[in-house]
Amino acid sequence: MTAHPELIRLVRFGVCGLLATALHIIVAVVLISHAGASPTLANTVAFASATCWSYLVNTLWSFSSSLRLRNVWRFIVVSLGGMALAGLVSYLMQVAGAGPWIGIAIVVCAVTPLTFVTHRRWTYR
């Protein structure tokens, strides 16, 4: 039995997200620990690095698309929107008195599928 193409895209998107998160952590830790960068600078550079890597891998592997100026800008808009939504959801969970792990779980369960669908229907259409 062959897996549904959308399920394959979703799994690939998830793998890319996990690897982008790992890249973010590695870049931030290296910049803070070995280059003496401030956490703000390190995380900004790490976010940009992870987003660039994520764009390349998601474009070519997850969504089997080509690298285009149109979809790079759309990818950035969706990524920044996802970051803003993650911050908002996290803040609302904190205000509601939820523990940090609940906030993380809700962010992952809400933001990840939303960004996948937005990329699928807008970034790579």
C-alpha atoms as a PDB file:
ATOM      1  CA  MET A   1       0.000   0.000   0.000  1.00  0.00           C
ATOM      2  CA  THR A   2       1.355   3.412  -0.990  1.00  0.00           C
ATOM      3  CA  ALA A   3       1.252   6.327   1.441  1.00  0.00           C
ATOM      4  CA  HIS A   4      -0.894   9.315   0.518  1.00  0.00           C
ATOM      5  CA  PRO A   5       1.233  12.128  -1.036  1.00  0.00           C
ATOM      6  CA  GLU A   6      -0.054  14.686   1.505  1.00  0.00           C
ATOM      7  CA  LEU A   7       0.976  12.424   4.384  1.00  0.00           C
ATOM      8  CA  ILE A   8       4.452  12.117   2.881  1.00  0.00           C
ATOM      9  CA  ARG A   9       4.663  15.921   2.575  1.00  0.00           C
ATOM     10  CA  LEU A  10       3.510  16.335   6.173  1.00  0.00           C
ATOM     11  CA  VAL A  11       6.063  13.840   7.510  1.00  0.00           C
ATOM     12  CA  ARG A  12       8.834  15.497   5.502  1.00  0.00           C
ATOM     13  CA  PHE A  13       7.696  18.901   6.792  1.00  0.00           C
ATOM     14  CA  GLY A  14       7.884  17.566  10.356  1.00  0.00           C
ATOM     15  CA  VAL A  15      11.361  16.130   9.830  1.00  0.00           C
ATOM     16  CA  CYS A  16      12.525  19.455   8.374  1.00  0.00           C
ATOM     17  CA  GLY A  17      11.048  21.267  11.363  1.00  0.00           C
ATOM     18  CA  LEU A  18      12.855  19.039  13.846  1.00  0.00           C
ATOM     19  CA  LEU A  19      16.138  19.435  11.994  1.00  0.00           C
ATOM     20  CA  ALA A  20      15.663  23.209  11.702  1.00  0.00           C
ATOM     21  CA  THR A  21      15.076  23.336  15.463  1.00  0.00           C
ATOM     22  CA  ALA A  22      18.272  21.350  16.048  1.00  0.00           C
ATOM     23  CA  LEU A  23      20.184  23.704  13.732  1.00  0.00           C
ATOM     24  CA  HIS A  24      18.806  26.725  15.613  1.00  0.00           C
ATOM     25  CA  ILE A  25      19.949  25.270  18.939  1.00  0.00           C
ATOM     26  CA  ILE A  26      23.413  24.363  17.646  1.00  0.00           C
ATOM     27  CA  VAL A  27      24.016  27.775  16.048  1.00  0.00           C
ATOM     28  CA  ALA A  28      22.792  29.639  19.146  1.00  0.00           C
ATOM     29  CA  VAL A  29      24.868  27.524  21.553  1.00  0.00           C
ATOM     30  CA  VAL A  30      28.017  27.835  19.431  1.00  0.00           C
ATOM     31  CA  LEU A  31      27.632  31.604  19.078  1.00  0.00           C
ATOM     32  CA  ILE A  32      26.988  32.100  22.793  1.00  0.00           C
ATOM     33  CA  SER A  33      29.570  29.601  24.091  1.00  0.00           C
ATOM     34  CA  HIS A  34      32.391  29.994  21.603  1.00  0.00           C
ATOM     35  CA  ALA A  35      31.956  33.401  19.983  1.00  0.00           C
ATOM     36  CA  GLY A  36      30.781  35.334  23.030  1.00  0.00           C
ATOM     37  CA  ALA A  37      27.622  36.543  21.297  1.00  0.00           C
ATOM     38  CA  SER A  38      24.709  37.805  23.328  1.00  0.00           C
ATOM     39  CA  PRO A  39      21.699  35.475  23.522  1.00  0.00           C
ATOM     40  CA  THR A  40      19.656  37.984  21.505  1.00  0.00           C
ATOM     41  CA  LEU A  41      22.175  38.131  18.667  1.00  0.00           C
ATOM     42  CA  ALA A  42      22.786  34.381  18.794  1.00  0.00           C
ATOM     43  CA  ASN A  43      19.101  33.533  18.589  1.00  0.00           C
ATOM     44  CA  THR A  44      18.514  36.053  15.806  1.00  0.00           C
ATOM     45  CA  VAL A  45      21.323  34.563  13.716  1.00  0.00           C
ATOM     46  CA  ALA A  46      20.170  31.037  14.634  1.00  0.00           C
ATOM     47  CA  PHE A  47      16.580  31.796  13.609  1.00  0.00           C
ATOM     48  CA  ALA A  48      17.732  33.243  10.286  1.00  0.00           C
ATOM     49  CA  SER A  49      20.014  30.238   9.655  1.00  0.00           C
ATOM     50  CA  ALA A  50      17.300  27.726  10.511  1.00  0.00           C
ATOM     51  CA  THR A  51      14.743  29.579   8.379  1.00  0.00           C
ATOM     52  CA  CYS A  52      17.061  29.646   5.351  1.00  0.00           C
ATOM     53  CA  TRP A  53      17.835  25.943   5.737  1.00  0.00           C
ATOM     54  CA  SER A  54      14.158  25.191   6.265  1.00  0.00           C
ATOM     55  CA  TYR A  55      13.217  27.091   3.109  1.00  0.00           C
ATOM     56  CA  LEU A  56      15.712  25.181   0.994  1.00  0.00           C
ATOM     57  CA  VAL A  57      14.843  21.726   2.312  1.00  0.00           C
ATOM     58  CA  ASN A  58      11.092  22.252   2.464  1.00  0.00           C
ATOM     59  CA  THR A  59      11.011  23.737  -1.020  1.00  0.00           C
ATOM     60  CA  LEU A  60      13.075  21.020  -2.647  1.00  0.00           C
ATOM     61  CA  TRP A  61      12.141  17.973  -0.535  1.00  0.00           C
ATOM     62  CA  SER A  62       8.864  18.459   1.347  1.00  0.00           C
ATOM     63  CA  PHE A  63       6.936  20.296  -1.354  1.00  0.00           C
ATOM     64  CA  SER A  64       8.978  19.244  -4.431  1.00  0.00           C
ATOM     65  CA  SER A  65       8.998  22.787  -5.737  1.00  0.00           C
ATOM     66  CA  SER A  66      11.662  24.997  -7.245  1.00  0.00           C
ATOM     67  CA  LEU A  67      13.530  27.867  -5.631  1.00  0.00           C
ATOM     68  CA  ARG A  68      11.805  31.090  -6.665  1.00  0.00           C
ATOM     69  CA  LEU A  69      11.822  34.638  -5.383  1.00  0.00           C
ATOM     70  CA  ARG A  70       8.027  34.518  -5.041  1.00  0.00           C
ATOM     71  CA  ASN A  71       8.004  31.506  -2.767  1.00  0.00           C
ATOM     72  CA  VAL A  72      10.996  32.641  -0.682  1.00  0.00           C
ATOM     73  CA  TRP A  73       9.129  35.805   0.312  1.00  0.00           C
ATOM     74  CA  ARG A  74       5.978  33.843   1.015  1.00  0.00           C
ATOM     75  CA  PHE A  75       7.964  31.351   3.072  1.00  0.00           C
ATOM     76  CA  ILE A  76       9.421  34.188   5.155  1.00  0.00           C
ATOM     77  CA  VAL A  77       5.964  35.729   5.695  1.00  0.00           C
ATOM     78  CA  VAL A  78       4.545  32.378   6.844  1.00  0.00           C
ATOM     79  CA  SER A  79       7.576  31.736   9.091  1.00  0.00           C
ATOM     80  CA  LEU A  80       7.302  35.144  10.753  1.00  0.00           C
ATOM     81  CA  GLY A  81       3.545  34.711  11.101  1.00  0.00           C
ATOM     82  CA  GLY A  82       4.116  31.312  12.698  1.00  0.00           C
ATOM     83  CA  MET A  83       6.641  32.834  15.081  1.00  0.00           C
ATOM     84  CA  ALA A  84       4.196  35.591  16.047  1.00  0.00           C
ATOM     85  CA  LEU A  85       1.386  33.074  16.531  1.00  0.00           C
ATOM     86  CA  ALA A  86       3.653  30.874  18.666  1.00  0.00           C
ATOM     87  CA  GLY A  87       4.463  33.866  20.857  1.00  0.00           C
ATOM     88  CA  LEU A  88       0.804  34.836  21.160  1.00  0.00           C
ATOM     89  CA  VAL A  89      -0.373  31.314  21.996  1.00  0.00           C
ATOM     90  CA  SER A  90       2.450  30.918  24.503  1.00  0.00           C
ATOM     91  CA  TYR A  91       1.571  34.232  26.144  1.00  0.00           C
ATOM     92  CA  LEU A  92      -2.126  33.336  26.325  1.00  0.00           C
ATOM     93  CA  MET A  93      -1.316  29.975  27.907  1.00  0.00           C
ATOM     94  CA  GLN A  94       0.882  31.713  30.470  1.00  0.00           C
ATOM     95  CA  VAL A  95      -1.855  34.248  31.294  1.00  0.00           C
ATOM     96  CA  ALA A  96      -4.356  31.391  31.592  1.00  0.00           C
ATOM     97  CA  GLY A  97      -2.093  29.744  34.163  1.00  0.00           C
ATOM     98  CA  ALA A  98      -1.100  26.754  32.040  1.00  0.00           C
ATOM     99  CA  GLY A  99       2.317  25.262  32.669  1.00  0.00           C
ATOM    100  CA  PRO A 100       5.086  25.785  30.116  1.00  0.00           C
ATOM    101  CA  TRP A 101       4.804  22.226  28.756  1.00  0.00           C
ATOM    102  CA  ILE A 102       1.106  22.714  28.031  1.00  0.00           C
ATOM    103  CA  GLY A 103       1.941  25.941  26.220  1.00  0.00           C
ATOM    104  CA  ILE A 104       4.601  24.204  24.153  1.00  0.00           C
ATOM    105  CA  ALA A 105       2.245  21.352  23.277  1.00  0.00           C
ATOM    106  CA  ILE A 106      -0.491  23.745  22.174  1.00  0.00           C
ATOM    107  CA  VAL A 107       1.966  25.792  20.115  1.00  0.00           C
ATOM    108  CA  VAL A 108       3.224  22.656  18.355  1.00  0.00           C
ATOM    109  CA  CYS A 109      -0.286  21.269  17.809  1.00  0.00           C
ATOM    110  CA  ALA A 110      -1.684  24.575  16.509  1.00  0.00           C
ATOM    111  CA  VAL A 111       1.152  26.341  14.700  1.00  0.00           C
ATOM    112  CA  THR A 112       2.717  23.373  12.892  1.00  0.00           C
ATOM    113  CA  PRO A 113      -0.406  22.249  10.998  1.00  0.00           C
ATOM    114  CA  LEU A 114      -1.373  25.844  10.265  1.00  0.00           C
ATOM    115  CA  THR A 115       2.017  26.657   8.753  1.00  0.00           C
ATOM    116  CA  PHE A 116       1.971  23.399   6.762  1.00  0.00           C
ATOM    117  CA  VAL A 117      -1.444  24.177   5.277  1.00  0.00           C
ATOM    118  CA  THR A 118      -0.468  27.798   4.584  1.00  0.00           C
ATOM    119  CA  HIS A 119       2.715  26.715   2.806  1.00  0.00           C
ATOM    120  CA  ARG A 120       0.806  24.086   0.853  1.00  0.00           C
ATOM    121  CA  ARG A 121      -2.008  26.420  -0.237  1.00  0.00           C
ATOM    122  CA  TRP A 122      -0.158  29.731  -0.567  1.00  0.00           C
ATOM    123  CA  THR A 123       3.660  29.535  -0.522  1.00  0.00           C
ATOM    124  CA  TYR A 124       3.912  26.681  -3.022  1.00  0.00           C
ATOM    125  CA  ARG A 125       0.754  27.014  -5.094  1.00  0.00           C
END
